[in-house]
Amino acid sequence: MTERINVVAAVVIKGDQMLAGRRESGRLGEGFWELPGGKINPGEDPRAALKRELEEELGAPALIGERVLPTVVHLYEWGEVHMQVFYAKLKGDTTAIAHDSLVWGTPKQLATRNWLAAAMPVLAKLQDVDLAKVVFPTAGTVYTHTVQYYETDRMGITHHSNYVRWMEEARTHFLAAIGWDYAKIEATGIISPVVSVNCRYKRSTTFSDQVVITTKVADLDRVRLTLAYRMELNDQLVCEGTSEHCFTNRAGKLLRLDRDLPDFYRALSEARQS
């Protein structure tokens, strides 16, 4: 049986150029050029895996953007590689830690190099992309959920109730990214009840699908926060939803965010504007 190898790779952008790395001797595929990245650990979020791999390979933290194209599948002698590819930007200078050479160039300039086969569909896709115009989402707004077996029904389809749980996961991720995780909010004595939740289902998902959830501040006033969620699978819309929240103290008294928790209100306002 052919081994399945789940990997993640980055189109690392600087202006209108991207980064290519040549695999060092002694590694599988030595001498070939590749996109920086590596294996995804079991249960690991692909974007988190990519951030880890880029720091290990290039020595710099990274901002991870949108998916470049659907998962690339290629059969090598050593296994069947399933490669997820995302745009990325580095927050520092690069260091060749896992490659014997690193080169920047436009997709057209790099297309003639001796690439590993799995990278070829990516290079083909990028020939018509202006990398300088790639937009990166605000940090923390994108979250990936891998569908678990227990979340599916007897037909193998994800039960509709789980999408609301995924919204909570994405919301928790978003709040932590803006510096206000639930532990910090509740430590101030603030409780955030859910006022309403809405979902509109577009397509089904199944076991092991990786659903990308984008979270945004849809509305914010002094007493209420509305978050909007967009769930996609391979760039196709799966579900859209919203959750509305108010804020109270432990006695249940309704609070005004701008007055009672101004720093949190400011963080939400900035996230809404970005």
C-alpha atoms as a PDB file:
ATOM      1  CA  MET A   1       0.000   0.000   0.000  1.00  0.00           C
ATOM      2  CA  THR A   2       1.371   3.427  -1.008  1.00  0.00           C
ATOM      3  CA  GLU A   3       2.109   5.689   1.936  1.00  0.00           C
ATOM      4  CA  ARG A   4       0.153   8.946   2.014  1.00  0.00           C
ATOM      5  CA  ILE A   5       2.308  11.905   3.033  1.00  0.00           C
ATOM      6  CA  ASN A   6       0.505  15.098   4.056  1.00  0.00           C
ATOM      7  CA  VAL A   7       2.642  18.174   3.544  1.00  0.00           C
ATOM      8  CA  VAL A   8       2.220  21.926   3.424  1.00  0.00           C
ATOM      9  CA  ALA A   9       4.178  24.401   1.315  1.00  0.00           C
ATOM     10  CA  ALA A  10       4.433  28.154   0.859  1.00  0.00           C
ATOM     11  CA  VAL A  11       4.624  30.572  -2.006  1.00  0.00           C
ATOM     12  CA  VAL A  12       6.738  33.008  -0.011  1.00  0.00           C
ATOM     13  CA  ILE A  13       6.266  36.504  -1.443  1.00  0.00           C
ATOM     14  CA  LYS A  14       8.479  39.585  -1.507  1.00  0.00           C
ATOM     15  CA  GLY A  15       7.079  42.213  -3.848  1.00  0.00           C
ATOM     16  CA  ASP A  16       6.421  40.499  -7.181  1.00  0.00           C
ATOM     17  CA  GLN A  17       8.889  37.687  -6.421  1.00  0.00           C
ATOM     18  CA  MET A  18       8.660  34.290  -4.756  1.00  0.00           C
ATOM     19  CA  LEU A  19      11.205  32.115  -2.968  1.00  0.00           C
ATOM     20  CA  ALA A  20      12.596  28.814  -4.252  1.00  0.00           C
ATOM     21  CA  GLY A  21      14.809  26.448  -2.287  1.00  0.00           C
ATOM     22  CA  ARG A  22      17.097  23.718  -3.639  1.00  0.00           C
ATOM     23  CA  ARG A  23      17.040  20.506  -1.627  1.00  0.00           C
ATOM     24  CA  GLU A  24      20.420  19.729  -0.137  1.00  0.00           C
ATOM     25  CA  SER A  25      22.330  16.505  -0.813  1.00  0.00           C
ATOM     26  CA  GLY A  26      21.381  13.458   1.194  1.00  0.00           C
ATOM     27  CA  ARG A  27      17.656  14.270   1.150  1.00  0.00           C
ATOM     28  CA  LEU A  28      14.977  12.742  -1.041  1.00  0.00           C
ATOM     29  CA  GLY A  29      14.801  14.805  -4.204  1.00  0.00           C
ATOM     30  CA  GLU A  30      18.272  16.256  -3.650  1.00  0.00           C
ATOM     31  CA  GLY A  31      19.255  18.893  -6.191  1.00  0.00           C
ATOM     32  CA  PHE A  32      15.655  19.675  -7.158  1.00  0.00           C
ATOM     33  CA  TRP A  33      13.962  22.992  -6.418  1.00  0.00           C
ATOM     34  CA  GLU A  34      10.914  23.160  -4.175  1.00  0.00           C
ATOM     35  CA  LEU A  35       8.567  25.438  -2.291  1.00  0.00           C
ATOM     36  CA  PRO A  36       9.552  25.802   1.379  1.00  0.00           C
ATOM     37  CA  GLY A  37       7.472  23.695   3.763  1.00  0.00           C
ATOM     38  CA  GLY A  38       7.252  20.220   5.217  1.00  0.00           C
ATOM     39  CA  LYS A  39       5.152  17.507   6.813  1.00  0.00           C
ATOM     40  CA  ILE A  40       1.936  18.155   8.726  1.00  0.00           C
ATOM     41  CA  ASN A  41       1.853  16.408  12.085  1.00  0.00           C
ATOM     42  CA  PRO A  42      -1.282  14.331  12.846  1.00  0.00           C
ATOM     43  CA  GLY A  43      -4.075  16.655  13.965  1.00  0.00           C
ATOM     44  CA  GLU A  44      -2.025  19.786  13.239  1.00  0.00           C
ATOM     45  CA  ASP A  45      -3.625  22.822  11.621  1.00  0.00           C
ATOM     46  CA  PRO A  46      -2.037  23.212   8.133  1.00  0.00           C
ATOM     47  CA  ARG A  47      -1.386  26.921   8.616  1.00  0.00           C
ATOM     48  CA  ALA A  48       0.189  26.298  12.015  1.00  0.00           C
ATOM     49  CA  ALA A  49       2.309  23.547  10.458  1.00  0.00           C
ATOM     50  CA  LEU A  50       3.460  25.910   7.728  1.00  0.00           C
ATOM     51  CA  LYS A  51       4.429  28.635  10.206  1.00  0.00           C
ATOM     52  CA  ARG A  52       6.438  26.065  12.153  1.00  0.00           C
ATOM     53  CA  GLU A  53       8.145  24.659   9.049  1.00  0.00           C
ATOM     54  CA  LEU A  54       9.036  28.084   7.635  1.00  0.00           C
ATOM     55  CA  GLU A  55      10.662  29.150  10.882  1.00  0.00           C
ATOM     56  CA  GLU A  56      12.573  25.860  11.036  1.00  0.00           C
ATOM     57  CA  GLU A  57      13.692  26.030   7.390  1.00  0.00           C
ATOM     58  CA  LEU A  58      14.170  29.760   6.841  1.00  0.00           C
ATOM     59  CA  GLY A  59      14.782  31.098  10.341  1.00  0.00           C
ATOM     60  CA  ALA A  60      12.013  33.707  10.285  1.00  0.00           C
ATOM     61  CA  PRO A  61       8.400  33.913  11.520  1.00  0.00           C
ATOM     62  CA  ALA A  62       5.784  34.108   8.792  1.00  0.00           C
ATOM     63  CA  LEU A  63       2.346  35.490   8.054  1.00  0.00           C
ATOM     64  CA  ILE A  64       0.228  32.863   6.293  1.00  0.00           C
ATOM     65  CA  GLY A  65      -2.261  33.951   3.634  1.00  0.00           C
ATOM     66  CA  GLU A  66      -4.879  32.318   1.471  1.00  0.00           C
ATOM     67  CA  ARG A  67      -4.679  28.939  -0.226  1.00  0.00           C
ATOM     68  CA  VAL A  68      -3.037  29.126  -3.661  1.00  0.00           C
ATOM     69  CA  LEU A  69      -4.976  26.248  -5.247  1.00  0.00           C
ATOM     70  CA  PRO A  70      -6.688  22.995  -4.171  1.00  0.00           C
ATOM     71  CA  THR A  71      -4.559  20.236  -2.656  1.00  0.00           C
ATOM     72  CA  VAL A  72      -1.933  18.927  -5.078  1.00  0.00           C
ATOM     73  CA  VAL A  73      -1.589  15.139  -5.203  1.00  0.00           C
ATOM     74  CA  HIS A  74       1.507  13.553  -6.748  1.00  0.00           C
ATOM     75  CA  LEU A  75       2.799   9.987  -6.616  1.00  0.00           C
ATOM     76  CA  TYR A  76       6.549   9.744  -6.010  1.00  0.00           C
ATOM     77  CA  GLU A  77       8.611   6.580  -5.564  1.00  0.00           C
ATOM     78  CA  TRP A  78       8.633   7.208  -1.820  1.00  0.00           C
ATOM     79  CA  GLY A  79       4.899   7.850  -1.407  1.00  0.00           C
ATOM     80  CA  GLU A  80       1.797   9.734  -2.467  1.00  0.00           C
ATOM     81  CA  VAL A  81       2.247  13.378  -1.492  1.00  0.00           C
ATOM     82  CA  HIS A  82      -0.834  15.471  -0.685  1.00  0.00           C
ATOM     83  CA  MET A  83       0.421  19.063  -0.668  1.00  0.00           C
ATOM     84  CA  GLN A  84      -1.508  22.089   0.567  1.00  0.00           C
ATOM     85  CA  VAL A  85      -0.084  25.385  -0.652  1.00  0.00           C
ATOM     86  CA  PHE A  86      -0.564  28.858   0.850  1.00  0.00           C
ATOM     87  CA  TYR A  87       0.796  32.321   0.225  1.00  0.00           C
ATOM     88  CA  ALA A  88       3.165  33.549   2.949  1.00  0.00           C
ATOM     89  CA  LYS A  89       5.270  36.544   3.918  1.00  0.00           C
ATOM     90  CA  LEU A  90       8.334  36.412   6.137  1.00  0.00           C
ATOM     91  CA  LYS A  91       8.828  38.793   9.055  1.00  0.00           C
ATOM     92  CA  GLY A  92      12.605  38.860   8.808  1.00  0.00           C
ATOM     93  CA  ASP A  93      15.575  37.817   6.700  1.00  0.00           C
ATOM     94  CA  THR A  94      15.878  34.299   5.293  1.00  0.00           C
ATOM     95  CA  THR A  95      18.535  31.784   6.254  1.00  0.00           C
ATOM     96  CA  ALA A  96      19.201  28.602   4.230  1.00  0.00           C
ATOM     97  CA  ILE A  97      18.806  26.038   7.010  1.00  0.00           C
ATOM     98  CA  ALA A  98      17.254  23.117   5.096  1.00  0.00           C
ATOM     99  CA  HIS A  99      18.410  24.047   1.550  1.00  0.00           C
ATOM    100  CA  ASP A 100      21.788  24.490  -0.053  1.00  0.00           C
ATOM    101  CA  SER A 101      20.512  27.495  -2.022  1.00  0.00           C
ATOM    102  CA  LEU A 102      17.665  30.011  -1.847  1.00  0.00           C
ATOM    103  CA  VAL A 103      16.655  32.144  -4.838  1.00  0.00           C
ATOM    104  CA  TRP A 104      14.097  34.927  -5.305  1.00  0.00           C
ATOM    105  CA  GLY A 105      12.447  35.506  -8.667  1.00  0.00           C
ATOM    106  CA  THR A 106       9.158  36.043 -10.433  1.00  0.00           C
ATOM    107  CA  PRO A 107       7.173  32.890 -11.279  1.00  0.00           C
ATOM    108  CA  LYS A 108       8.204  33.301 -14.920  1.00  0.00           C
ATOM    109  CA  GLN A 109      11.897  33.645 -14.019  1.00  0.00           C
ATOM    110  CA  LEU A 110      11.822  30.556 -11.819  1.00  0.00           C
ATOM    111  CA  ALA A 111       9.678  28.366 -14.072  1.00  0.00           C
ATOM    112  CA  THR A 112      12.647  26.921 -15.987  1.00  0.00           C
ATOM    113  CA  ARG A 113      14.402  25.541 -12.904  1.00  0.00           C
ATOM    114  CA  ASN A 114      14.426  21.825 -12.132  1.00  0.00           C
ATOM    115  CA  TRP A 115      11.408  21.660  -9.780  1.00  0.00           C
ATOM    116  CA  LEU A 116      10.037  18.693  -7.876  1.00  0.00           C
ATOM    117  CA  ALA A 117       7.003  17.443  -9.776  1.00  0.00           C
ATOM    118  CA  ALA A 118       4.456  18.363  -7.080  1.00  0.00           C
ATOM    119  CA  ALA A 119       5.411  22.031  -7.442  1.00  0.00           C
ATOM    120  CA  MET A 120       4.704  22.182 -11.174  1.00  0.00           C
ATOM    121  CA  PRO A 121       0.915  22.823 -10.906  1.00  0.00           C
ATOM    122  CA  VAL A 122       1.685  25.662  -8.513  1.00  0.00           C
ATOM    123  CA  LEU A 123       4.198  27.236 -10.908  1.00  0.00           C
ATOM    124  CA  ALA A 124       1.670  26.926 -13.733  1.00  0.00           C
ATOM    125  CA  LYS A 125      -1.012  28.628 -11.626  1.00  0.00           C
ATOM    126  CA  LEU A 126       1.322  31.492 -10.690  1.00  0.00           C
ATOM    127  CA  GLN A 127       2.243  32.425 -14.253  1.00  0.00           C
ATOM    128  CA  ASP A 128      -0.891  34.583 -14.426  1.00  0.00           C
ATOM    129  CA  VAL A 129      -0.738  35.925 -10.846  1.00  0.00           C
ATOM    130  CA  ASP A 130       0.683  39.328  -9.899  1.00  0.00           C
ATOM    131  CA  LEU A 131       2.248  38.439  -6.552  1.00  0.00           C
ATOM    132  CA  ALA A 132       2.570  42.101  -5.607  1.00  0.00           C
ATOM    133  CA  LYS A 133      -1.230  42.294  -5.472  1.00  0.00           C
ATOM    134  CA  VAL A 134      -1.798  39.275  -3.208  1.00  0.00           C
ATOM    135  CA  VAL A 135      -3.752  40.424  -0.132  1.00  0.00           C
ATOM    136  CA  PHE A 136      -3.091  38.854   3.255  1.00  0.00           C
ATOM    137  CA  PRO A 137      -5.903  38.519   5.815  1.00  0.00           C
ATOM    138  CA  THR A 138      -5.622  40.052   9.244  1.00  0.00           C
ATOM    139  CA  ALA A 139      -3.766  37.738  11.621  1.00  0.00           C
ATOM    140  CA  GLY A 140      -6.153  35.463  13.484  1.00  0.00           C
ATOM    141  CA  THR A 141      -9.091  35.779  11.101  1.00  0.00           C
ATOM    142  CA  VAL A 142      -8.455  32.434   9.372  1.00  0.00           C
ATOM    143  CA  TYR A 143      -8.884  29.108  11.177  1.00  0.00           C
ATOM    144  CA  THR A 144      -8.852  25.547   9.802  1.00  0.00           C
ATOM    145  CA  HIS A 145     -10.974  22.722  11.221  1.00  0.00           C
ATOM    146  CA  THR A 146     -10.371  19.105  10.188  1.00  0.00           C
ATOM    147  CA  VAL A 147     -13.655  17.179  10.163  1.00  0.00           C
ATOM    148  CA  GLN A 148     -13.552  14.347  12.705  1.00  0.00           C
ATOM    149  CA  TYR A 149     -15.190  10.958  12.202  1.00  0.00           C
ATOM    150  CA  TYR A 150     -17.517  11.426  15.190  1.00  0.00           C
ATOM    151  CA  GLU A 151     -18.855  14.623  13.578  1.00  0.00           C
ATOM    152  CA  THR A 152     -20.374  12.690  10.671  1.00  0.00           C
ATOM    153  CA  ASP A 153     -23.663  10.795  10.544  1.00  0.00           C
ATOM    154  CA  ARG A 154     -24.466   7.318   9.193  1.00  0.00           C
ATOM    155  CA  MET A 155     -24.360   8.686   5.648  1.00  0.00           C
ATOM    156  CA  GLY A 156     -20.824   9.958   6.196  1.00  0.00           C
ATOM    157  CA  ILE A 157     -21.926  13.590   6.041  1.00  0.00           C
ATOM    158  CA  THR A 158     -20.992  16.128   8.711  1.00  0.00           C
ATOM    159  CA  HIS A 159     -23.977  16.693  11.004  1.00  0.00           C
ATOM    160  CA  HIS A 160     -25.286  20.249  10.693  1.00  0.00           C
ATOM    161  CA  SER A 161     -24.954  20.979  14.428  1.00  0.00           C
ATOM    162  CA  ASN A 162     -21.160  20.810  14.225  1.00  0.00           C
ATOM    163  CA  TYR A 163     -20.893  23.961  12.133  1.00  0.00           C
ATOM    164  CA  VAL A 164     -22.019  26.005  15.137  1.00  0.00           C
ATOM    165  CA  ARG A 165     -19.255  24.394  17.205  1.00  0.00           C
ATOM    166  CA  TRP A 166     -16.722  25.255  14.499  1.00  0.00           C
ATOM    167  CA  MET A 167     -17.881  28.864  14.658  1.00  0.00           C
ATOM    168  CA  GLU A 168     -17.047  28.837  18.359  1.00  0.00           C
ATOM    169  CA  GLU A 169     -13.599  27.381  17.639  1.00  0.00           C
ATOM    170  CA  ALA A 170     -12.954  30.084  15.038  1.00  0.00           C
ATOM    171  CA  ARG A 171     -14.270  32.770  17.396  1.00  0.00           C
ATOM    172  CA  THR A 172     -11.957  31.591  20.184  1.00  0.00           C
ATOM    173  CA  HIS A 173      -9.018  31.654  17.754  1.00  0.00           C
ATOM    174  CA  PHE A 174      -9.952  35.154  16.569  1.00  0.00           C
ATOM    175  CA  LEU A 175     -10.294  36.639  20.065  1.00  0.00           C
ATOM    176  CA  ALA A 176      -6.964  35.164  21.139  1.00  0.00           C
ATOM    177  CA  ALA A 177      -5.308  36.650  18.043  1.00  0.00           C
ATOM    178  CA  ILE A 178      -6.470  40.185  18.907  1.00  0.00           C
ATOM    179  CA  GLY A 179      -5.179  39.737  22.455  1.00  0.00           C
ATOM    180  CA  TRP A 180      -8.481  39.009  24.216  1.00  0.00           C
ATOM    181  CA  ASP A 181      -8.977  35.300  24.753  1.00  0.00           C
ATOM    182  CA  TYR A 182     -11.918  34.119  26.850  1.00  0.00           C
ATOM    183  CA  ALA A 183      -9.753  33.634  29.933  1.00  0.00           C
ATOM    184  CA  LYS A 184      -8.666  37.278  29.810  1.00  0.00           C
ATOM    185  CA  ILE A 185     -12.211  38.538  29.205  1.00  0.00           C
ATOM    186  CA  GLU A 186     -13.668  36.523  32.069  1.00  0.00           C
ATOM    187  CA  ALA A 187     -10.788  37.500  34.373  1.00  0.00           C
ATOM    188  CA  THR A 188     -12.108  41.057  34.129  1.00  0.00           C
ATOM    189  CA  GLY A 189     -15.502  39.862  35.379  1.00  0.00           C
ATOM    190  CA  ILE A 190     -17.129  40.092  31.955  1.00  0.00           C
ATOM    191  CA  ILE A 191     -19.406  37.352  30.606  1.00  0.00           C
ATOM    192  CA  SER A 192     -20.269  37.157  26.891  1.00  0.00           C
ATOM    193  CA  PRO A 193     -23.598  35.360  26.313  1.00  0.00           C
ATOM    194  CA  VAL A 194     -24.585  34.307  22.793  1.00  0.00           C
ATOM    195  CA  VAL A 195     -27.722  36.208  21.760  1.00  0.00           C
ATOM    196  CA  SER A 196     -28.283  34.446  18.442  1.00  0.00           C
ATOM    197  CA  VAL A 197     -26.619  32.076  15.957  1.00  0.00           C
ATOM    198  CA  ASN A 198     -27.471  31.654  12.281  1.00  0.00           C
ATOM    199  CA  CYS A 199     -26.154  29.251   9.650  1.00  0.00           C
ATOM    200  CA  ARG A 200     -26.832  28.935   5.948  1.00  0.00           C
ATOM    201  CA  TYR A 201     -25.550  25.645   4.505  1.00  0.00           C
ATOM    202  CA  LYS A 202     -24.279  25.530   0.920  1.00  0.00           C
ATOM    203  CA  ARG A 203     -22.364  22.240   0.538  1.00  0.00           C
ATOM    204  CA  SER A 204     -21.743  19.158   2.638  1.00  0.00           C
ATOM    205  CA  THR A 205     -18.434  18.074   4.148  1.00  0.00           C
ATOM    206  CA  THR A 206     -17.127  14.650   5.122  1.00  0.00           C
ATOM    207  CA  PHE A 207     -14.548  12.997   7.360  1.00  0.00           C
ATOM    208  CA  SER A 208     -11.002  14.434   7.125  1.00  0.00           C
ATOM    209  CA  ASP A 209     -12.058  17.480   5.072  1.00  0.00           C
ATOM    210  CA  GLN A 210     -10.175  20.607   6.110  1.00  0.00           C
ATOM    211  CA  VAL A 211     -12.652  23.441   6.379  1.00  0.00           C
ATOM    212  CA  VAL A 212     -11.169  26.945   6.269  1.00  0.00           C
ATOM    213  CA  ILE A 213     -13.143  29.423   8.399  1.00  0.00           C
ATOM    214  CA  THR A 214     -12.713  33.180   8.007  1.00  0.00           C
ATOM    215  CA  THR A 215     -13.999  35.275  10.911  1.00  0.00           C
ATOM    216  CA  LYS A 216     -14.785  38.986  10.677  1.00  0.00           C
ATOM    217  CA  VAL A 217     -16.409  41.634  12.852  1.00  0.00           C
ATOM    218  CA  ALA A 218     -19.664  42.274  10.984  1.00  0.00           C
ATOM    219  CA  ASP A 219     -21.174  44.766  13.436  1.00  0.00           C
ATOM    220  CA  LEU A 220     -20.165  46.409  16.699  1.00  0.00           C
ATOM    221  CA  ASP A 221     -21.937  48.901  18.928  1.00  0.00           C
ATOM    222  CA  ARG A 222     -21.719  49.756  22.584  1.00  0.00           C
ATOM    223  CA  VAL A 223     -23.504  46.643  23.819  1.00  0.00           C
ATOM    224  CA  ARG A 224     -23.453  44.072  21.001  1.00  0.00           C
ATOM    225  CA  LEU A 225     -20.930  42.315  18.817  1.00  0.00           C
ATOM    226  CA  THR A 226     -21.812  40.398  15.653  1.00  0.00           C
ATOM    227  CA  LEU A 227     -19.234  38.103  14.064  1.00  0.00           C
ATOM    228  CA  ALA A 228     -19.557  36.697  10.544  1.00  0.00           C
ATOM    229  CA  TYR A 229     -18.098  33.339   9.487  1.00  0.00           C
ATOM    230  CA  ARG A 230     -17.368  32.041   6.004  1.00  0.00           C
ATOM    231  CA  MET A 231     -16.485  28.348   5.708  1.00  0.00           C
ATOM    232  CA  GLU A 232     -14.793  27.010   2.585  1.00  0.00           C
ATOM    233  CA  LEU A 233     -13.506  23.679   1.333  1.00  0.00           C
ATOM    234  CA  ASN A 234     -11.044  23.861  -1.559  1.00  0.00           C
ATOM    235  CA  ASP A 235     -12.144  27.454  -2.211  1.00  0.00           C
ATOM    236  CA  GLN A 236     -15.828  26.467  -2.452  1.00  0.00           C
ATOM    237  CA  LEU A 237     -18.350  27.944  -0.042  1.00  0.00           C
ATOM    238  CA  VAL A 238     -19.622  25.383   2.485  1.00  0.00           C
ATOM    239  CA  CYS A 239     -21.456  27.471   5.049  1.00  0.00           C
ATOM    240  CA  GLU A 240     -22.044  31.078   6.054  1.00  0.00           C
ATOM    241  CA  GLY A 241     -23.005  32.063   9.568  1.00  0.00           C
ATOM    242  CA  THR A 242     -23.216  34.779  12.175  1.00  0.00           C
ATOM    243  CA  SER A 243     -23.169  34.902  15.954  1.00  0.00           C
ATOM    244  CA  GLU A 244     -24.405  37.830  18.035  1.00  0.00           C
ATOM    245  CA  HIS A 245     -23.089  38.514  21.541  1.00  0.00           C
ATOM    246  CA  CYS A 246     -23.805  40.875  24.399  1.00  0.00           C
ATOM    247  CA  PHE A 247     -21.704  41.490  27.509  1.00  0.00           C
ATOM    248  CA  THR A 248     -22.693  41.361  31.171  1.00  0.00           C
ATOM    249  CA  ASN A 249     -21.075  41.336  34.579  1.00  0.00           C
ATOM    250  CA  ARG A 250     -21.321  38.257  36.789  1.00  0.00           C
ATOM    251  CA  ALA A 251     -24.588  39.565  38.243  1.00  0.00           C
ATOM    252  CA  GLY A 252     -26.115  39.596  34.761  1.00  0.00           C
ATOM    253  CA  LYS A 253     -26.169  43.367  34.312  1.00  0.00           C
ATOM    254  CA  LEU A 254     -25.785  44.468  30.688  1.00  0.00           C
ATOM    255  CA  LEU A 255     -22.536  46.365  30.127  1.00  0.00           C
ATOM    256  CA  ARG A 256     -21.343  48.960  27.646  1.00  0.00           C
ATOM    257  CA  LEU A 257     -18.133  47.862  25.981  1.00  0.00           C
ATOM    258  CA  ASP A 258     -16.830  51.343  25.247  1.00  0.00           C
ATOM    259  CA  ARG A 259     -17.233  52.363  28.872  1.00  0.00           C
ATOM    260  CA  ASP A 260     -16.698  49.171  30.875  1.00  0.00           C
ATOM    261  CA  LEU A 261     -14.040  47.452  28.723  1.00  0.00           C
ATOM    262  CA  PRO A 262     -12.588  50.166  26.456  1.00  0.00           C
ATOM    263  CA  ASP A 263      -9.389  48.288  25.530  1.00  0.00           C
ATOM    264  CA  PHE A 264     -11.393  45.306  24.303  1.00  0.00           C
ATOM    265  CA  TYR A 265     -13.768  47.607  22.435  1.00  0.00           C
ATOM    266  CA  ARG A 266     -10.781  49.300  20.770  1.00  0.00           C
ATOM    267  CA  ALA A 267      -9.285  45.953  19.701  1.00  0.00           C
ATOM    268  CA  LEU A 268     -12.594  44.894  18.135  1.00  0.00           C
ATOM    269  CA  SER A 269     -12.953  48.257  16.383  1.00  0.00           C
ATOM    270  CA  GLU A 270      -9.474  47.963  14.906  1.00  0.00           C
ATOM    271  CA  ALA A 271     -10.171  44.395  13.748  1.00  0.00           C
ATOM    272  CA  ARG A 272     -13.362  45.580  12.076  1.00  0.00           C
ATOM    273  CA  GLN A 273     -11.538  48.286  10.158  1.00  0.00           C
ATOM    274  CA  SER A 274      -8.647  46.102   8.982  1.00  0.00           C
END
